[in-house]
């Protein structure tokens, strides 16, 4: 389902796994410090949606389209508890986005 980028604490998984079953982190997938394109390819091959604070994946999305889908967190870096609360609050919007066949990019503010 969701693949958290390395700019998000892997500890967030513990607070989100009830709301987003199957959530994972690049650390769990041995992708720490790998180029964004490798993370992109992994997400595409495994049906995952990338969640990141960086706009690097937005650039890849513009170049290659989707899959994978991208959730760009534009709020700026925040604490892990604040990030968890943000994703829980946006759960309906995120789930609608994930299930949509029309769009591959979502900004969460």
PDB file of N, CA and C in Angstrom:
ATOM      1  N   UNK A   1       0.828  -1.183   0.000  1.00  0.00           N
ATOM      2  CA  UNK A   1       0.000   0.000   0.000  1.00  0.00           C
ATOM      3  C   UNK A   1       0.875   1.250   0.000  1.00  0.00           C
ATOM      4  N   UNK A   2       1.371   1.719   1.176  1.00  0.00           N
ATOM      5  CA  UNK A   2       2.204   2.916   1.244  1.00  0.00           C
ATOM      6  C   UNK A   2       3.662   2.551   1.501  1.00  0.00           C
ATOM      7  N   UNK A   3       4.552   3.251   0.813  1.00  0.00           N
ATOM      8  CA  UNK A   3       5.991   3.117   1.021  1.00  0.00           C
ATOM      9  C   UNK A   3       6.500   4.474   1.479  1.00  0.00           C
ATOM     10  N   UNK A   4       6.950   4.562   2.729  1.00  0.00           N
ATOM     11  CA  UNK A   4       7.457   5.813   3.270  1.00  0.00           C
ATOM     12  C   UNK A   4       8.902   6.017   2.843  1.00  0.00           C
ATOM     13  N   UNK A   5       9.195   7.211   2.369  1.00  0.00           N
ATOM     14  CA  UNK A   5      10.539   7.578   1.932  1.00  0.00           C
ATOM     15  C   UNK A   5      11.442   7.744   3.160  1.00  0.00           C
ATOM     16  N   UNK A   6      12.746   7.783   2.914  1.00  0.00           N
ATOM     17  CA  UNK A   6      13.687   7.850   4.030  1.00  0.00           C
ATOM     18  C   UNK A   6      13.645   9.172   4.780  1.00  0.00           C
ATOM     19  N   UNK A   7      13.033  10.207   4.223  1.00  0.00           N
ATOM     20  CA  UNK A   7      12.918  11.473   4.941  1.00  0.00           C
ATOM     21  C   UNK A   7      11.777  11.456   5.959  1.00  0.00           C
ATOM     22  N   UNK A   8      11.131  10.318   6.096  1.00  0.00           N
ATOM     23  CA  UNK A   8      10.076  10.099   7.088  1.00  0.00           C
ATOM     24  C   UNK A   8      10.579   9.017   8.044  1.00  0.00           C
ATOM     25  N   UNK A   9      10.407   9.235   9.321  1.00  0.00           N
ATOM     26  CA  UNK A   9      10.877   8.258  10.300  1.00  0.00           C
ATOM     27  C   UNK A   9      10.183   6.908  10.113  1.00  0.00           C
ATOM     28  N   UNK A  10      10.969   5.852  10.147  1.00  0.00           N
ATOM     29  CA  UNK A  10      10.394   4.503  10.054  1.00  0.00           C
ATOM     30  C   UNK A  10       9.498   4.213  11.262  1.00  0.00           C
ATOM     31  N   UNK A  11       9.677   4.958  12.338  1.00  0.00           N
ATOM     32  CA  UNK A  11       8.848   4.772  13.532  1.00  0.00           C
ATOM     33  C   UNK A  11       7.377   5.135  13.278  1.00  0.00           C
ATOM     34  N   UNK A  12       7.119   5.881  12.231  1.00  0.00           N
ATOM     35  CA  UNK A  12       5.738   6.263  11.906  1.00  0.00           C
ATOM     36  C   UNK A  12       4.885   5.043  11.565  1.00  0.00           C
ATOM     37  N   UNK A  13       5.515   3.993  11.105  1.00  0.00           N
ATOM     38  CA  UNK A  13       4.766   2.790  10.723  1.00  0.00           C
ATOM     39  C   UNK A  13       3.943   2.266  11.891  1.00  0.00           C
ATOM     40  N   UNK A  14       4.535   2.280  13.071  1.00  0.00           N
ATOM     41  CA  UNK A  14       3.845   1.747  14.245  1.00  0.00           C
ATOM     42  C   UNK A  14       2.535   2.489  14.521  1.00  0.00           C
ATOM     43  N   UNK A  15       2.486   3.786  14.250  1.00  0.00           N
ATOM     44  CA  UNK A  15       1.270   4.550  14.472  1.00  0.00           C
ATOM     45  C   UNK A  15       0.292   4.527  13.310  1.00  0.00           C
ATOM     46  N   UNK A  16       0.743   4.005  12.166  1.00  0.00           N
ATOM     47  CA  UNK A  16      -0.095   4.046  10.965  1.00  0.00           C
ATOM     48  C   UNK A  16      -0.548   2.686  10.468  1.00  0.00           C
ATOM     49  N   UNK A  17       0.061   1.606  10.957  1.00  0.00           N
ATOM     50  CA  UNK A  17      -0.218   0.284  10.379  1.00  0.00           C
ATOM     51  C   UNK A  17      -1.666  -0.158  10.569  1.00  0.00           C
ATOM     52  N   UNK A  18      -2.340   0.330  11.589  1.00  0.00           N
ATOM     53  CA  UNK A  18      -3.759   0.004  11.776  1.00  0.00           C
ATOM     54  C   UNK A  18      -4.615   0.672  10.706  1.00  0.00           C
ATOM     55  N   UNK A  19      -4.229   1.876  10.307  1.00  0.00           N
ATOM     56  CA  UNK A  19      -4.988   2.658   9.337  1.00  0.00           C
ATOM     57  C   UNK A  19      -4.606   2.342   7.895  1.00  0.00           C
ATOM     58  N   UNK A  20      -3.361   1.926   7.706  1.00  0.00           N
ATOM     59  CA  UNK A  20      -2.839   1.622   6.367  1.00  0.00           C
ATOM     60  C   UNK A  20      -2.152   0.254   6.399  1.00  0.00           C
ATOM     61  N   UNK A  21      -2.942  -0.820   6.377  1.00  0.00           N
ATOM     62  CA  UNK A  21      -2.338  -2.161   6.412  1.00  0.00           C
ATOM     63  C   UNK A  21      -1.346  -2.343   5.260  1.00  0.00           C
ATOM     64  N   UNK A  22      -0.241  -2.967   5.555  1.00  0.00           N
ATOM     65  CA  UNK A  22       0.775  -3.209   4.539  1.00  0.00           C
ATOM     66  C   UNK A  22       1.763  -2.073   4.371  1.00  0.00           C
ATOM     67  N   UNK A  23       1.634  -1.010   5.176  1.00  0.00           N
ATOM     68  CA  UNK A  23       2.559   0.117   5.083  1.00  0.00           C
ATOM     69  C   UNK A  23       3.983  -0.369   5.347  1.00  0.00           C
ATOM     70  N   UNK A  24       4.922   0.211   4.612  1.00  0.00           N
ATOM     71  CA  UNK A  24       6.322  -0.170   4.780  1.00  0.00           C
ATOM     72  C   UNK A  24       7.191   1.084   4.632  1.00  0.00           C
ATOM     73  N   UNK A  25       8.450   0.908   4.832  1.00  0.00           N
ATOM     74  CA  UNK A  25       9.418   2.014   4.802  1.00  0.00           C
ATOM     75  C   UNK A  25      10.615   1.568   3.985  1.00  0.00           C
ATOM     76  N   UNK A  26      11.266   2.523   3.325  1.00  0.00           N
ATOM     77  CA  UNK A  26      12.435   2.164   2.508  1.00  0.00           C
ATOM     78  C   UNK A  26      13.486   1.432   3.347  1.00  0.00           C
ATOM     79  N   UNK A  27      13.548   1.738   4.633  1.00  0.00           N
ATOM     80  CA  UNK A  27      14.501   1.047   5.518  1.00  0.00           C
ATOM     81  C   UNK A  27      14.181  -0.449   5.591  1.00  0.00           C
ATOM     82  N   UNK A  28      12.905  -0.782   5.713  1.00  0.00           N
ATOM     83  CA  UNK A  28      12.500  -2.188   5.787  1.00  0.00           C
ATOM     84  C   UNK A  28      12.738  -2.920   4.472  1.00  0.00           C
ATOM     85  N   UNK A  29      12.784  -2.173   3.386  1.00  0.00           N
ATOM     86  CA  UNK A  29      12.942  -2.767   2.059  1.00  0.00           C
ATOM     87  C   UNK A  29      14.390  -2.672   1.559  1.00  0.00           C
ATOM     88  N   UNK A  30      15.312  -2.331   2.463  1.00  0.00           N
ATOM     89  CA  UNK A  30      16.741  -2.209   2.130  1.00  0.00           C
ATOM     90  C   UNK A  30      16.990  -1.222   0.987  1.00  0.00           C
ATOM     91  N   UNK A  31      16.277  -0.093   1.041  1.00  0.00           N
ATOM     92  CA  UNK A  31      16.414   0.925   0.000  1.00  0.00           C
ATOM     93  C   UNK A  31      16.958   2.255   0.536  1.00  0.00           C
ATOM     94  N   UNK A  32      17.464   2.260   1.771  1.00  0.00           N
ATOM     95  CA  UNK A  32      18.036   3.488   2.336  1.00  0.00           C
ATOM     96  C   UNK A  32      19.216   3.915   1.472  1.00  0.00           C
ATOM     97  N   UNK A  33      19.277   5.180   1.171  1.00  0.00           N
ATOM     98  CA  UNK A  33      20.349   5.805   0.381  1.00  0.00           C
ATOM     99  C   UNK A  33      20.390   5.345  -1.073  1.00  0.00           C
ATOM    100  N   UNK A  34      19.358   4.657  -1.511  1.00  0.00           N
ATOM    101  CA  UNK A  34      19.291   4.265  -2.920  1.00  0.00           C
ATOM    102  C   UNK A  34      18.775   5.456  -3.732  1.00  0.00           C
ATOM    103  N   UNK A  35      19.127   5.528  -5.001  1.00  0.00           N
ATOM    104  CA  UNK A  35      18.612   6.612  -5.846  1.00  0.00           C
ATOM    105  C   UNK A  35      17.082   6.551  -5.931  1.00  0.00           C
ATOM    106  N   UNK A  36      16.482   7.727  -6.093  1.00  0.00           N
ATOM    107  CA  UNK A  36      15.023   7.803  -6.166  1.00  0.00           C
ATOM    108  C   UNK A  36      14.445   6.898  -7.250  1.00  0.00           C
ATOM    109  N   UNK A  37      15.131   6.774  -8.359  1.00  0.00           N
ATOM    110  CA  UNK A  37      14.610   5.936  -9.444  1.00  0.00           C
ATOM    111  C   UNK A  37      14.518   4.470  -9.026  1.00  0.00           C
ATOM    112  N   UNK A  38      15.439   4.025  -8.174  1.00  0.00           N
ATOM    113  CA  UNK A  38      15.382   2.642  -7.700  1.00  0.00           C
ATOM    114  C   UNK A  38      14.184   2.451  -6.757  1.00  0.00           C
ATOM    115  N   UNK A  39      13.922   3.443  -5.913  1.00  0.00           N
ATOM    116  CA  UNK A  39      12.751   3.395  -5.037  1.00  0.00           C
ATOM    117  C   UNK A  39      11.480   3.415  -5.883  1.00  0.00           C
ATOM    118  N   UNK A  40      11.465   4.276  -6.906  1.00  0.00           N
ATOM    119  CA  UNK A  40      10.346   4.367  -7.845  1.00  0.00           C
ATOM    120  C   UNK A  40      10.072   2.999  -8.483  1.00  0.00           C
ATOM    121  N   UNK A  41      11.128   2.365  -8.991  1.00  0.00           N
ATOM    122  CA  UNK A  41      10.983   1.062  -9.656  1.00  0.00           C
ATOM    123  C   UNK A  41      10.496  -0.004  -8.680  1.00  0.00           C
ATOM    124  N   UNK A  42      11.009   0.020  -7.448  1.00  0.00           N
ATOM    125  CA  UNK A  42      10.565  -0.942  -6.434  1.00  0.00           C
ATOM    126  C   UNK A  42       9.074  -0.752  -6.153  1.00  0.00           C
ATOM    127  N   UNK A  43       8.660   0.498  -5.950  1.00  0.00           N
ATOM    128  CA  UNK A  43       7.249   0.786  -5.674  1.00  0.00           C
ATOM    129  C   UNK A  43       6.375   0.336  -6.834  1.00  0.00           C
ATOM    130  N   UNK A  44       6.799   0.615  -8.038  1.00  0.00           N
ATOM    131  CA  UNK A  44       6.030   0.220  -9.221  1.00  0.00           C
ATOM    132  C   UNK A  44       5.894  -1.295  -9.300  1.00  0.00           C
ATOM    133  N   UNK A  45       6.991  -2.015  -9.085  1.00  0.00           N
ATOM    134  CA  UNK A  45       6.987  -3.476  -9.178  1.00  0.00           C
ATOM    135  C   UNK A  45       6.154  -4.129  -8.084  1.00  0.00           C
ATOM    136  N   UNK A  46       5.981  -3.421  -6.952  1.00  0.00           N
ATOM    137  CA  UNK A  46       5.292  -4.019  -5.810  1.00  0.00           C
ATOM    138  C   UNK A  46       3.936  -3.373  -5.503  1.00  0.00           C
ATOM    139  N   UNK A  47       3.450  -2.533  -6.402  1.00  0.00           N
ATOM    140  CA  UNK A  47       2.134  -1.935  -6.228  1.00  0.00           C
ATOM    141  C   UNK A  47       2.031  -1.009  -5.026  1.00  0.00           C
ATOM    142  N   UNK A  48       3.105  -0.288  -4.739  1.00  0.00           N
ATOM    143  CA  UNK A  48       3.135   0.604  -3.587  1.00  0.00           C
ATOM    144  C   UNK A  48       2.989   2.059  -4.013  1.00  0.00           C
ATOM    145  N   UNK A  49       2.491   2.864  -3.115  1.00  0.00           N
ATOM    146  CA  UNK A  49       2.346   4.302  -3.308  1.00  0.00           C
ATOM    147  C   UNK A  49       3.415   4.979  -2.451  1.00  0.00           C
ATOM    148  N   UNK A  50       4.267   5.795  -3.061  1.00  0.00           N
ATOM    149  CA  UNK A  50       5.367   6.450  -2.356  1.00  0.00           C
ATOM    150  C   UNK A  50       4.853   7.682  -1.614  1.00  0.00           C
ATOM    151  N   UNK A  51       5.255   7.806  -0.351  1.00  0.00           N
ATOM    152  CA  UNK A  51       4.928   8.976   0.471  1.00  0.00           C
ATOM    153  C   UNK A  51       6.246   9.667   0.808  1.00  0.00           C
ATOM    154  N   UNK A  52       6.341  10.969   0.473  1.00  0.00           N
ATOM    155  CA  UNK A  52       7.611  11.670   0.665  1.00  0.00           C
ATOM    156  C   UNK A  52       7.387  13.156   0.919  1.00  0.00           C
ATOM    157  N   UNK A  53       8.339  13.767   1.606  1.00  0.00           N
ATOM    158  CA  UNK A  53       8.366  15.217   1.754  1.00  0.00           C
ATOM    159  C   UNK A  53       9.053  15.866   0.549  1.00  0.00           C
ATOM    160  N   UNK A  54       9.870  15.107  -0.166  1.00  0.00           N
ATOM    161  CA  UNK A  54      10.640  15.634  -1.298  1.00  0.00           C
ATOM    162  C   UNK A  54       9.790  15.735  -2.556  1.00  0.00           C
ATOM    163  N   UNK A  55      10.152  16.682  -3.422  1.00  0.00           N
ATOM    164  CA  UNK A  55       9.443  16.792  -4.696  1.00  0.00           C
ATOM    165  C   UNK A  55      10.141  15.981  -5.795  1.00  0.00           C
ATOM    166  N   UNK A  56      11.187  15.245  -5.455  1.00  0.00           N
ATOM    167  CA  UNK A  56      11.895  14.434  -6.449  1.00  0.00           C
ATOM    168  C   UNK A  56      10.966  13.429  -7.125  1.00  0.00           C
ATOM    169  N   UNK A  57      10.061  12.855  -6.354  1.00  0.00           N
ATOM    170  CA  UNK A  57       9.142  11.876  -6.935  1.00  0.00           C
ATOM    171  C   UNK A  57       8.079  12.547  -7.801  1.00  0.00           C
ATOM    172  N   UNK A  58       7.754  13.796  -7.502  1.00  0.00           N
ATOM    173  CA  UNK A  58       6.851  14.556  -8.368  1.00  0.00           C
ATOM    174  C   UNK A  58       7.478  14.716  -9.754  1.00  0.00           C
ATOM    175  N   UNK A  59       8.778  14.976  -9.776  1.00  0.00           N
ATOM    176  CA  UNK A  59       9.492  15.120 -11.050  1.00  0.00           C
ATOM    177  C   UNK A  59       9.465  13.802 -11.821  1.00  0.00           C
ATOM    178  N   UNK A  60       9.699  12.687 -11.134  1.00  0.00           N
ATOM    179  CA  UNK A  60       9.625  11.380 -11.796  1.00  0.00           C
ATOM    180  C   UNK A  60       8.207  11.114 -12.294  1.00  0.00           C
ATOM    181  N   UNK A  61       7.216  11.500 -11.512  1.00  0.00           N
ATOM    182  CA  UNK A  61       5.824  11.329 -11.925  1.00  0.00           C
ATOM    183  C   UNK A  61       5.529  12.125 -13.200  1.00  0.00           C
ATOM    184  N   UNK A  62       6.021  13.360 -13.257  1.00  0.00           N
ATOM    185  CA  UNK A  62       5.810  14.176 -14.443  1.00  0.00           C
ATOM    186  C   UNK A  62       6.493  13.563 -15.660  1.00  0.00           C
ATOM    187  N   UNK A  63       7.619  12.938 -15.457  1.00  0.00           N
ATOM    188  CA  UNK A  63       8.371  12.346 -16.563  1.00  0.00           C
ATOM    189  C   UNK A  63       7.790  11.011 -17.016  1.00  0.00           C
ATOM    190  N   UNK A  64       7.412  10.154 -16.059  1.00  0.00           N
ATOM    191  CA  UNK A  64       7.038   8.782 -16.387  1.00  0.00           C
ATOM    192  C   UNK A  64       5.565   8.442 -16.146  1.00  0.00           C
ATOM    193  N   UNK A  65       4.823   9.341 -15.497  1.00  0.00           N
ATOM    194  CA  UNK A  65       3.436   9.022 -15.183  1.00  0.00           C
ATOM    195  C   UNK A  65       3.327   8.065 -14.010  1.00  0.00           C
ATOM    196  N   UNK A  66       2.265   7.300 -13.971  1.00  0.00           N
ATOM    197  CA  UNK A  66       2.092   6.326 -12.890  1.00  0.00           C
ATOM    198  C   UNK A  66       1.564   5.036 -13.459  1.00  0.00           C
ATOM    199  N   UNK A  67       1.760   3.917 -12.783  1.00  0.00           N
ATOM    200  CA  UNK A  67       2.266   3.770 -11.434  1.00  0.00           C
ATOM    201  C   UNK A  67       3.776   3.994 -11.346  1.00  0.00           C
ATOM    202  N   UNK A  68       4.288   4.172 -10.131  1.00  0.00           N
ATOM    203  CA  UNK A  68       3.562   4.185  -8.868  1.00  0.00           C
ATOM    204  C   UNK A  68       2.918   5.532  -8.613  1.00  0.00           C
ATOM    205  N   UNK A  69       1.995   5.520  -7.684  1.00  0.00           N
ATOM    206  CA  UNK A  69       1.357   6.761  -7.259  1.00  0.00           C
ATOM    207  C   UNK A  69       2.256   7.445  -6.237  1.00  0.00           C
ATOM    208  N   UNK A  70       2.130   8.774  -6.178  1.00  0.00           N
ATOM    209  CA  UNK A  70       2.961   9.579  -5.292  1.00  0.00           C
ATOM    210  C   UNK A  70       2.072  10.420  -4.380  1.00  0.00           C
ATOM    211  N   UNK A  71       2.373  10.393  -3.081  1.00  0.00           N
ATOM    212  CA  UNK A  71       1.763  11.308  -2.127  1.00  0.00           C
ATOM    213  C   UNK A  71       2.881  12.226  -1.655  1.00  0.00           C
ATOM    214  N   UNK A  72       2.764  13.495  -2.021  1.00  0.00           N
ATOM    215  CA  UNK A  72       3.772  14.496  -1.679  1.00  0.00           C
ATOM    216  C   UNK A  72       3.265  15.287  -0.472  1.00  0.00           C
ATOM    217  N   UNK A  73       3.973  15.192   0.632  1.00  0.00           N
ATOM    218  CA  UNK A  73       3.621  15.926   1.839  1.00  0.00           C
ATOM    219  C   UNK A  73       4.273  17.297   1.731  1.00  0.00           C
ATOM    220  N   UNK A  74       3.474  18.332   1.570  1.00  0.00           N
ATOM    221  CA  UNK A  74       4.013  19.673   1.337  1.00  0.00           C
ATOM    222  C   UNK A  74       4.021  20.545   2.584  1.00  0.00           C
ATOM    223  N   UNK A  75       3.617  20.000   3.687  1.00  0.00           N
ATOM    224  CA  UNK A  75       3.572  20.751   4.938  1.00  0.00           C
ATOM    225  C   UNK A  75       4.970  21.101   5.436  1.00  0.00           C
ATOM    226  N   UNK A  76       5.971  20.425   4.970  1.00  0.00           N
ATOM    227  CA  UNK A  76       7.324  20.614   5.492  1.00  0.00           C
ATOM    228  C   UNK A  76       7.585  19.576   6.559  1.00  0.00           C
ATOM    229  N   UNK A  77       8.829  19.443   6.922  1.00  0.00           N
ATOM    230  CA  UNK A  77       9.178  18.440   7.928  1.00  0.00           C
ATOM    231  C   UNK A  77       8.444  18.716   9.223  1.00  0.00           C
ATOM    232  N   UNK A  78       7.949  17.658   9.823  1.00  0.00           N
ATOM    233  CA  UNK A  78       7.233  17.778  11.083  1.00  0.00           C
ATOM    234  C   UNK A  78       7.627  16.606  11.967  1.00  0.00           C
ATOM    235  N   UNK A  79       7.224  16.669  13.203  1.00  0.00           N
ATOM    236  CA  UNK A  79       7.537  15.580  14.127  1.00  0.00           C
ATOM    237  C   UNK A  79       6.821  14.311  13.675  1.00  0.00           C
ATOM    238  N   UNK A  80       7.311  13.192  14.128  1.00  0.00           N
ATOM    239  CA  UNK A  80       6.678  11.917  13.776  1.00  0.00           C
ATOM    240  C   UNK A  80       5.231  11.869  14.257  1.00  0.00           C
ATOM    241  N   UNK A  81       4.922  12.255  15.507  1.00  0.00           N
ATOM    242  CA  UNK A  81       3.506  12.241  15.915  1.00  0.00           C
ATOM    243  C   UNK A  81       2.626  13.158  15.057  1.00  0.00           C
ATOM    244  N   UNK A  82       3.137  14.320  14.667  1.00  0.00           N
ATOM    245  CA  UNK A  82       2.359  15.226  13.814  1.00  0.00           C
ATOM    246  C   UNK A  82       2.148  14.613  12.432  1.00  0.00           C
ATOM    247  N   UNK A  83       3.164  13.949  11.900  1.00  0.00           N
ATOM    248  CA  UNK A  83       3.051  13.285  10.600  1.00  0.00           C
ATOM    249  C   UNK A  83       1.997  12.172  10.666  1.00  0.00           C
ATOM    250  N   UNK A  84       2.050  11.381  11.731  1.00  0.00           N
ATOM    251  CA  UNK A  84       1.080  10.299  11.906  1.00  0.00           C
ATOM    252  C   UNK A  84      -0.335  10.864  11.946  1.00  0.00           C
ATOM    253  N   UNK A  85      -0.543  11.902  12.732  1.00  0.00           N
ATOM    254  CA  UNK A  85      -1.863  12.516  12.839  1.00  0.00           C
ATOM    255  C   UNK A  85      -2.330  13.060  11.487  1.00  0.00           C
ATOM    256  N   UNK A  86      -1.401  13.650  10.743  1.00  0.00           N
ATOM    257  CA  UNK A  86      -1.749  14.190   9.433  1.00  0.00           C
ATOM    258  C   UNK A  86      -2.241  13.082   8.502  1.00  0.00           C
ATOM    259  N   UNK A  87      -1.534  11.946   8.459  1.00  0.00           N
ATOM    260  CA  UNK A  87      -1.950  10.853   7.579  1.00  0.00           C
ATOM    261  C   UNK A  87      -3.240  10.190   8.053  1.00  0.00           C
ATOM    262  N   UNK A  88      -3.456  10.150   9.350  1.00  0.00           N
ATOM    263  CA  UNK A  88      -4.712   9.607   9.858  1.00  0.00           C
ATOM    264  C   UNK A  88      -5.862  10.544   9.470  1.00  0.00           C
ATOM    265  N   UNK A  89      -5.654  11.843   9.628  1.00  0.00           N
ATOM    266  CA  UNK A  89      -6.697  12.821   9.284  1.00  0.00           C
ATOM    267  C   UNK A  89      -7.023  12.805   7.791  1.00  0.00           C
ATOM    268  N   UNK A  90      -6.025  12.514   6.967  1.00  0.00           N
ATOM    269  CA  UNK A  90      -6.211  12.512   5.509  1.00  0.00           C
ATOM    270  C   UNK A  90      -6.560  11.123   4.970  1.00  0.00           C
ATOM    271  N   UNK A  91      -6.885  10.209   5.848  1.00  0.00           N
ATOM    272  CA  UNK A  91      -7.101   8.810   5.453  1.00  0.00           C
ATOM    273  C   UNK A  91      -8.146   8.646   4.358  1.00  0.00           C
ATOM    274  N   UNK A  92      -9.273   9.313   4.468  1.00  0.00           N
ATOM    275  CA  UNK A  92     -10.315   9.164   3.442  1.00  0.00           C
ATOM    276  C   UNK A  92      -9.808   9.674   2.093  1.00  0.00           C
ATOM    277  N   UNK A  93      -9.194  10.836   2.084  1.00  0.00           N
ATOM    278  CA  UNK A  93      -8.649  11.412   0.850  1.00  0.00           C
ATOM    279  C   UNK A  93      -7.577  10.499   0.246  1.00  0.00           C
ATOM    280  N   UNK A  94      -6.704   9.972   1.093  1.00  0.00           N
ATOM    281  CA  UNK A  94      -5.629   9.096   0.618  1.00  0.00           C
ATOM    282  C   UNK A  94      -6.194   7.795   0.058  1.00  0.00           C
ATOM    283  N   UNK A  95      -7.139   7.196   0.750  1.00  0.00           N
ATOM    284  CA  UNK A  95      -7.724   5.942   0.253  1.00  0.00           C
ATOM    285  C   UNK A  95      -8.480   6.148  -1.061  1.00  0.00           C
ATOM    286  N   UNK A  96      -9.185   7.261  -1.188  1.00  0.00           N
ATOM    287  CA  UNK A  96      -9.855   7.576  -2.451  1.00  0.00           C
ATOM    288  C   UNK A  96      -8.826   7.719  -3.568  1.00  0.00           C
ATOM    289  N   UNK A  97      -7.744   8.418  -3.285  1.00  0.00           N
ATOM    290  CA  UNK A  97      -6.663   8.601  -4.254  1.00  0.00           C
ATOM    291  C   UNK A  97      -6.051   7.264  -4.667  1.00  0.00           C
ATOM    292  N   UNK A  98      -5.748   6.425  -3.704  1.00  0.00           N
ATOM    293  CA  UNK A  98      -5.127   5.126  -3.990  1.00  0.00           C
ATOM    294  C   UNK A  98      -6.024   4.282  -4.892  1.00  0.00           C
ATOM    295  N   UNK A  99      -7.318   4.357  -4.670  1.00  0.00           N
ATOM    296  CA  UNK A  99      -8.260   3.551  -5.453  1.00  0.00           C
ATOM    297  C   UNK A  99      -8.644   4.168  -6.794  1.00  0.00           C
ATOM    298  N   UNK A 100      -8.241   5.397  -7.033  1.00  0.00           N
ATOM    299  CA  UNK A 100      -8.569   6.081  -8.282  1.00  0.00           C
ATOM    300  C   UNK A 100      -7.708   5.559  -9.435  1.00  0.00           C
ATOM    301  N   UNK A 101      -8.320   5.427 -10.573  1.00  0.00           N
ATOM    302  CA  UNK A 101      -7.591   5.037 -11.789  1.00  0.00           C
ATOM    303  C   UNK A 101      -7.203   6.270 -12.596  1.00  0.00           C
ATOM    304  N   UNK A 102      -7.657   7.451 -12.162  1.00  0.00           N
ATOM    305  CA  UNK A 102      -7.490   8.675 -12.946  1.00  0.00           C
ATOM    306  C   UNK A 102      -6.248   9.487 -12.626  1.00  0.00           C
ATOM    307  N   UNK A 103      -5.756   9.408 -11.420  1.00  0.00           N
ATOM    308  CA  UNK A 103      -4.656  10.275 -11.015  1.00  0.00           C
ATOM    309  C   UNK A 103      -3.585   9.499 -10.262  1.00  0.00           C
ATOM    310  N   UNK A 104      -2.348   9.986 -10.389  1.00  0.00           N
ATOM    311  CA  UNK A 104      -1.225   9.313  -9.757  1.00  0.00           C
ATOM    312  C   UNK A 104      -0.437  10.195  -8.817  1.00  0.00           C
ATOM    313  N   UNK A 105      -0.942  11.410  -8.571  1.00  0.00           N
ATOM    314  CA  UNK A 105      -0.209  12.347  -7.727  1.00  0.00           C
ATOM    315  C   UNK A 105      -1.159  13.081  -6.790  1.00  0.00           C
ATOM    316  N   UNK A 106      -0.802  13.110  -5.504  1.00  0.00           N
ATOM    317  CA  UNK A 106      -1.623  13.786  -4.510  1.00  0.00           C
ATOM    318  C   UNK A 106      -0.727  14.605  -3.593  1.00  0.00           C
ATOM    319  N   UNK A 107      -1.091  15.867  -3.400  1.00  0.00           N
ATOM    320  CA  UNK A 107      -0.411  16.712  -2.415  1.00  0.00           C
ATOM    321  C   UNK A 107      -1.237  16.718  -1.151  1.00  0.00           C
ATOM    322  N   UNK A 108      -0.562  16.468  -0.042  1.00  0.00           N
ATOM    323  CA  UNK A 108      -1.207  16.568   1.254  1.00  0.00           C
ATOM    324  C   UNK A 108      -0.544  17.729   1.978  1.00  0.00           C
ATOM    325  N   UNK A 109      -1.368  18.710   2.335  1.00  0.00           N
ATOM    326  CA  UNK A 109      -0.848  19.948   2.931  1.00  0.00           C
ATOM    327  C   UNK A 109      -1.019  19.909   4.438  1.00  0.00           C
TER     328      UNK A 109
END
